[in-house]
Amino acid sequence: QLTGAVSSKMNALIQAGTNSLVPQRLALVLACMAAQSGPEAAKAYVDQAFDMAAAATTQGPQLLQYALQFLTSIAEEGDQLDRGRRQALLPALLKQLQRTVLLVQ
């Protein structure tokens, strides 16, 4: 529920064109929560990033910037996990690697 509330607030701020610092910080909070929650939460977080990237074609390039921030944040948060959690998270993130490379190109 907390993740949904933070995500909704962040999306509302992005849509409203709010200063990018607040949504960026909320993205970091979401990345931390996703990484700590495990592979399924991380996959949902990455899927949200790709949804943003897809919406950028119709809603503006700022969404693409946020999508890339999301992907960077989850990688950084995963790197900060203890070894056991990081090893559990890594396969879920690696499955998304090809999509990420295609997005950046």
N, C-alpha and C. Protein backbone atom coordinates (compact mmCIF):
# COMPACT_ATOMS: atom_id res chain seq x y z
N GLN A 1 0.82 -1.19 0.00
CA GLN A 1 0.00 0.00 0.00
C GLN A 1 0.86 1.26 0.00
N LEU A 2 1.93 1.23 0.77
CA LEU A 2 2.81 2.40 0.82
C LEU A 2 3.45 2.65 -0.54
N THR A 3 3.89 1.58 -1.19
CA THR A 3 4.49 1.72 -2.50
C THR A 3 3.51 2.33 -3.49
N GLY A 4 2.28 1.87 -3.45
CA GLY A 4 1.25 2.41 -4.34
C GLY A 4 0.98 3.88 -4.08
N ALA A 5 0.96 4.26 -2.80
CA ALA A 5 0.71 5.67 -2.45
C ALA A 5 1.85 6.56 -2.93
N VAL A 6 3.09 6.12 -2.69
CA VAL A 6 4.25 6.92 -3.12
C VAL A 6 4.28 7.01 -4.65
N SER A 7 4.01 5.89 -5.31
CA SER A 7 4.01 5.86 -6.76
C SER A 7 2.93 6.78 -7.34
N SER A 8 1.75 6.75 -6.75
CA SER A 8 0.66 7.62 -7.22
C SER A 8 1.02 9.09 -7.06
N LYS A 9 1.60 9.42 -5.92
CA LYS A 9 1.99 10.81 -5.67
C LYS A 9 3.07 11.25 -6.67
N MET A 10 4.05 10.38 -6.89
CA MET A 10 5.11 10.71 -7.84
C MET A 10 4.54 10.92 -9.24
N ASN A 11 3.66 10.02 -9.68
CA ASN A 11 3.06 10.16 -11.01
C ASN A 11 2.25 11.44 -11.13
N ALA A 12 1.53 11.80 -10.08
CA ALA A 12 0.75 13.04 -10.09
C ALA A 12 1.67 14.26 -10.21
N LEU A 13 2.80 14.23 -9.50
CA LEU A 13 3.75 15.33 -9.57
C LEU A 13 4.39 15.43 -10.96
N ILE A 14 4.69 14.29 -11.54
CA ILE A 14 5.28 14.29 -12.89
C ILE A 14 4.28 14.86 -13.89
N GLN A 15 3.04 14.41 -13.82
CA GLN A 15 2.00 14.88 -14.74
C GLN A 15 1.75 16.39 -14.58
N ALA A 16 1.90 16.88 -13.35
CA ALA A 16 1.67 18.30 -13.08
C ALA A 16 2.87 19.16 -13.49
N GLY A 17 3.98 18.50 -13.86
CA GLY A 17 5.16 19.25 -14.26
C GLY A 17 5.90 19.87 -13.08
N THR A 18 5.76 19.26 -11.92
CA THR A 18 6.42 19.75 -10.72
C THR A 18 7.93 19.69 -10.87
N ASN A 19 8.62 20.54 -10.13
CA ASN A 19 10.08 20.54 -10.08
C ASN A 19 10.56 19.10 -10.03
N SER A 20 11.54 18.77 -10.84
CA SER A 20 11.96 17.38 -10.99
C SER A 20 12.63 16.80 -9.75
N LEU A 21 13.07 17.61 -8.82
CA LEU A 21 13.75 17.10 -7.63
C LEU A 21 12.82 16.23 -6.78
N VAL A 22 11.59 16.64 -6.59
CA VAL A 22 10.66 15.89 -5.75
C VAL A 22 10.35 14.52 -6.37
N PRO A 23 9.95 14.45 -7.64
CA PRO A 23 9.73 13.12 -8.22
C PRO A 23 10.99 12.26 -8.25
N GLN A 24 12.15 12.87 -8.43
CA GLN A 24 13.39 12.11 -8.42
C GLN A 24 13.63 11.47 -7.06
N ARG A 25 13.37 12.22 -6.01
CA ARG A 25 13.54 11.68 -4.65
C ARG A 25 12.53 10.57 -4.37
N LEU A 26 11.32 10.75 -4.86
CA LEU A 26 10.32 9.69 -4.68
C LEU A 26 10.71 8.45 -5.47
N ALA A 27 11.33 8.62 -6.63
CA ALA A 27 11.81 7.48 -7.40
C ALA A 27 12.89 6.72 -6.62
N LEU A 28 13.74 7.45 -5.92
CA LEU A 28 14.75 6.80 -5.09
C LEU A 28 14.11 6.01 -3.95
N VAL A 29 13.09 6.59 -3.34
CA VAL A 29 12.37 5.88 -2.28
C VAL A 29 11.76 4.60 -2.83
N LEU A 30 11.13 4.70 -3.98
CA LEU A 30 10.52 3.51 -4.60
C LEU A 30 11.57 2.47 -4.97
N ALA A 31 12.71 2.91 -5.47
CA ALA A 31 13.78 1.96 -5.82
C ALA A 31 14.28 1.23 -4.58
N CYS A 32 14.45 1.95 -3.50
CA CYS A 32 14.90 1.34 -2.25
C CYS A 32 13.87 0.32 -1.76
N MET A 33 12.60 0.70 -1.79
CA MET A 33 11.56 -0.21 -1.34
C MET A 33 11.50 -1.44 -2.24
N ALA A 34 11.63 -1.27 -3.54
CA ALA A 34 11.57 -2.40 -4.47
C ALA A 34 12.75 -3.34 -4.26
N ALA A 35 13.94 -2.77 -4.14
CA ALA A 35 15.13 -3.60 -3.95
C ALA A 35 15.05 -4.39 -2.64
N GLN A 36 14.59 -3.74 -1.60
CA GLN A 36 14.48 -4.40 -0.30
C GLN A 36 13.38 -5.47 -0.29
N SER A 37 12.37 -5.28 -1.12
CA SER A 37 11.23 -6.19 -1.13
C SER A 37 11.47 -7.46 -1.94
N GLY A 38 12.46 -7.44 -2.82
CA GLY A 38 12.80 -8.65 -3.55
C GLY A 38 12.54 -8.58 -5.04
N PRO A 39 12.78 -9.71 -5.72
CA PRO A 39 12.72 -9.75 -7.18
C PRO A 39 11.37 -9.36 -7.79
N GLU A 40 10.28 -9.78 -7.20
CA GLU A 40 8.97 -9.45 -7.78
C GLU A 40 8.70 -7.95 -7.72
N ALA A 41 9.03 -7.34 -6.59
CA ALA A 41 8.83 -5.89 -6.46
C ALA A 41 9.77 -5.15 -7.40
N ALA A 42 10.99 -5.64 -7.55
CA ALA A 42 11.94 -5.00 -8.46
C ALA A 42 11.45 -5.09 -9.90
N LYS A 43 10.90 -6.23 -10.28
CA LYS A 43 10.37 -6.37 -11.63
C LYS A 43 9.22 -5.40 -11.86
N ALA A 44 8.33 -5.25 -10.87
CA ALA A 44 7.22 -4.30 -11.00
C ALA A 44 7.74 -2.88 -11.14
N TYR A 45 8.79 -2.55 -10.40
CA TYR A 45 9.40 -1.23 -10.47
C TYR A 45 9.99 -0.98 -11.86
N VAL A 46 10.72 -1.98 -12.38
CA VAL A 46 11.32 -1.87 -13.72
C VAL A 46 10.22 -1.77 -14.78
N ASP A 47 9.15 -2.54 -14.62
CA ASP A 47 8.04 -2.46 -15.57
C ASP A 47 7.43 -1.06 -15.57
N GLN A 48 7.35 -0.44 -14.39
CA GLN A 48 6.83 0.92 -14.30
C GLN A 48 7.75 1.88 -15.07
N ALA A 49 9.04 1.65 -14.99
CA ALA A 49 9.99 2.49 -15.73
C ALA A 49 9.77 2.36 -17.24
N PHE A 50 9.56 1.14 -17.70
CA PHE A 50 9.33 0.94 -19.13
C PHE A 50 7.98 1.50 -19.57
N ASP A 51 7.00 1.45 -18.70
CA ASP A 51 5.71 2.08 -19.02
C ASP A 51 5.88 3.58 -19.19
N MET A 52 6.69 4.19 -18.32
CA MET A 52 6.97 5.62 -18.44
C MET A 52 7.68 5.92 -19.76
N ALA A 53 8.65 5.09 -20.10
CA ALA A 53 9.40 5.31 -21.34
C ALA A 53 8.47 5.21 -22.54
N ALA A 54 7.56 4.27 -22.52
CA ALA A 54 6.61 4.13 -23.63
C ALA A 54 5.69 5.34 -23.72
N ALA A 55 5.30 5.86 -22.58
CA ALA A 55 4.41 7.03 -22.56
C ALA A 55 5.13 8.30 -23.00
N ALA A 56 6.44 8.29 -22.95
CA ALA A 56 7.20 9.48 -23.33
C ALA A 56 6.97 9.88 -24.78
N THR A 57 6.63 8.93 -25.63
CA THR A 57 6.42 9.25 -27.04
C THR A 57 5.20 10.15 -27.23
N THR A 58 4.23 10.04 -26.33
CA THR A 58 3.03 10.87 -26.46
C THR A 58 2.94 11.97 -25.40
N GLN A 59 3.64 11.79 -24.29
CA GLN A 59 3.51 12.73 -23.17
C GLN A 59 4.74 13.57 -22.91
N GLY A 60 5.77 13.40 -23.70
CA GLY A 60 6.93 14.26 -23.58
C GLY A 60 8.17 13.55 -23.09
N PRO A 61 9.33 14.08 -23.47
CA PRO A 61 10.61 13.45 -23.17
C PRO A 61 10.97 13.42 -21.69
N GLN A 62 10.31 14.24 -20.90
CA GLN A 62 10.61 14.23 -19.46
C GLN A 62 10.33 12.85 -18.86
N LEU A 63 9.33 12.16 -19.36
CA LEU A 63 9.03 10.82 -18.86
C LEU A 63 10.17 9.86 -19.17
N LEU A 64 10.83 10.03 -20.30
CA LEU A 64 11.97 9.18 -20.61
C LEU A 64 13.10 9.42 -19.61
N GLN A 65 13.31 10.66 -19.24
CA GLN A 65 14.33 10.96 -18.23
C GLN A 65 14.01 10.28 -16.91
N TYR A 66 12.75 10.32 -16.51
CA TYR A 66 12.36 9.65 -15.27
C TYR A 66 12.53 8.14 -15.39
N ALA A 67 12.19 7.59 -16.53
CA ALA A 67 12.34 6.14 -16.73
C ALA A 67 13.81 5.73 -16.57
N LEU A 68 14.70 6.49 -17.17
CA LEU A 68 16.12 6.19 -17.05
C LEU A 68 16.59 6.35 -15.61
N GLN A 69 16.05 7.35 -14.91
CA GLN A 69 16.37 7.53 -13.49
C GLN A 69 15.92 6.32 -12.69
N PHE A 70 14.72 5.82 -12.99
CA PHE A 70 14.21 4.63 -12.32
C PHE A 70 15.18 3.46 -12.49
N LEU A 71 15.60 3.23 -13.72
CA LEU A 71 16.46 2.09 -13.99
C LEU A 71 17.82 2.24 -13.32
N THR A 72 18.34 3.43 -13.31
CA THR A 72 19.61 3.68 -12.62
C THR A 72 19.45 3.49 -11.12
N SER A 73 18.36 3.97 -10.57
CA SER A 73 18.14 3.90 -9.13
C SER A 73 18.02 2.47 -8.63
N ILE A 74 17.30 1.61 -9.36
CA ILE A 74 17.15 0.23 -8.90
C ILE A 74 18.49 -0.50 -8.96
N ALA A 75 19.30 -0.19 -9.95
CA ALA A 75 20.63 -0.81 -10.02
C ALA A 75 21.49 -0.37 -8.84
N GLU A 76 21.45 0.92 -8.53
CA GLU A 76 22.24 1.43 -7.41
C GLU A 76 21.76 0.87 -6.08
N GLU A 77 20.46 0.80 -5.91
CA GLU A 77 19.92 0.25 -4.66
C GLU A 77 20.24 -1.23 -4.53
N GLY A 78 20.16 -1.96 -5.63
CA GLY A 78 20.51 -3.38 -5.60
C GLY A 78 21.96 -3.60 -5.22
N ASP A 79 22.81 -2.70 -5.69
CA ASP A 79 24.23 -2.80 -5.37
C ASP A 79 24.50 -2.60 -3.88
N GLN A 80 23.62 -1.88 -3.20
CA GLN A 80 23.81 -1.59 -1.78
C GLN A 80 23.30 -2.70 -0.86
N LEU A 81 22.61 -3.69 -1.43
CA LEU A 81 22.05 -4.78 -0.62
C LEU A 81 23.15 -5.70 -0.12
N ASP A 82 22.81 -6.45 0.94
CA ASP A 82 23.74 -7.46 1.40
C ASP A 82 23.83 -8.56 0.33
N ARG A 83 24.84 -9.38 0.43
CA ARG A 83 25.14 -10.33 -0.65
C ARG A 83 23.96 -11.25 -0.97
N GLY A 84 23.30 -11.79 0.01
CA GLY A 84 22.19 -12.71 -0.22
C GLY A 84 21.04 -12.06 -0.96
N ARG A 85 20.65 -10.88 -0.53
CA ARG A 85 19.56 -10.17 -1.21
C ARG A 85 19.96 -9.73 -2.61
N ARG A 86 21.21 -9.30 -2.75
CA ARG A 86 21.68 -8.87 -4.06
C ARG A 86 21.67 -10.04 -5.05
N GLN A 87 22.11 -11.21 -4.59
CA GLN A 87 22.13 -12.39 -5.46
C GLN A 87 20.71 -12.82 -5.83
N ALA A 88 19.75 -12.62 -4.96
CA ALA A 88 18.36 -12.95 -5.27
C ALA A 88 17.79 -11.95 -6.28
N LEU A 89 18.20 -10.70 -6.18
CA LEU A 89 17.67 -9.65 -7.04
C LEU A 89 18.30 -9.64 -8.43
N LEU A 90 19.55 -10.01 -8.51
CA LEU A 90 20.29 -9.92 -9.76
C LEU A 90 19.62 -10.62 -10.95
N PRO A 91 19.16 -11.86 -10.83
CA PRO A 91 18.52 -12.50 -11.99
C PRO A 91 17.30 -11.72 -12.51
N ALA A 92 16.52 -11.16 -11.61
CA ALA A 92 15.34 -10.39 -12.03
C ALA A 92 15.75 -9.15 -12.82
N LEU A 93 16.83 -8.51 -12.41
CA LEU A 93 17.29 -7.32 -13.12
C LEU A 93 17.98 -7.68 -14.44
N LEU A 94 18.71 -8.77 -14.45
CA LEU A 94 19.38 -9.17 -15.68
C LEU A 94 18.40 -9.56 -16.77
N LYS A 95 17.23 -10.07 -16.39
CA LYS A 95 16.20 -10.41 -17.37
C LYS A 95 15.73 -9.16 -18.12
N GLN A 96 15.88 -8.01 -17.50
CA GLN A 96 15.42 -6.75 -18.10
C GLN A 96 16.53 -6.02 -18.85
N LEU A 97 17.70 -6.59 -18.86
CA LEU A 97 18.86 -5.91 -19.45
C LEU A 97 18.68 -5.60 -20.93
N GLN A 98 18.18 -6.55 -21.70
CA GLN A 98 18.00 -6.32 -23.13
C GLN A 98 17.02 -5.17 -23.37
N ARG A 99 15.92 -5.15 -22.62
CA ARG A 99 14.95 -4.05 -22.77
C ARG A 99 15.61 -2.72 -22.43
N THR A 100 16.46 -2.74 -21.42
CA THR A 100 17.12 -1.50 -20.99
C THR A 100 18.07 -1.00 -22.08
N VAL A 101 18.85 -1.90 -22.65
CA VAL A 101 19.78 -1.50 -23.71
C VAL A 101 19.02 -0.94 -24.89
N LEU A 102 17.92 -1.57 -25.27
CA LEU A 102 17.13 -1.08 -26.39
C LEU A 102 16.54 0.30 -26.10
N LEU A 103 16.16 0.53 -24.86
CA LEU A 103 15.61 1.83 -24.47
C LEU A 103 16.67 2.93 -24.59
N VAL A 104 17.86 2.63 -24.16
CA VAL A 104 18.92 3.64 -24.18
C VAL A 104 19.36 3.95 -25.60
N GLN A 105 19.28 2.97 -26.49
CA GLN A 105 19.68 3.21 -27.87
C GLN A 105 18.69 4.14 -28.49
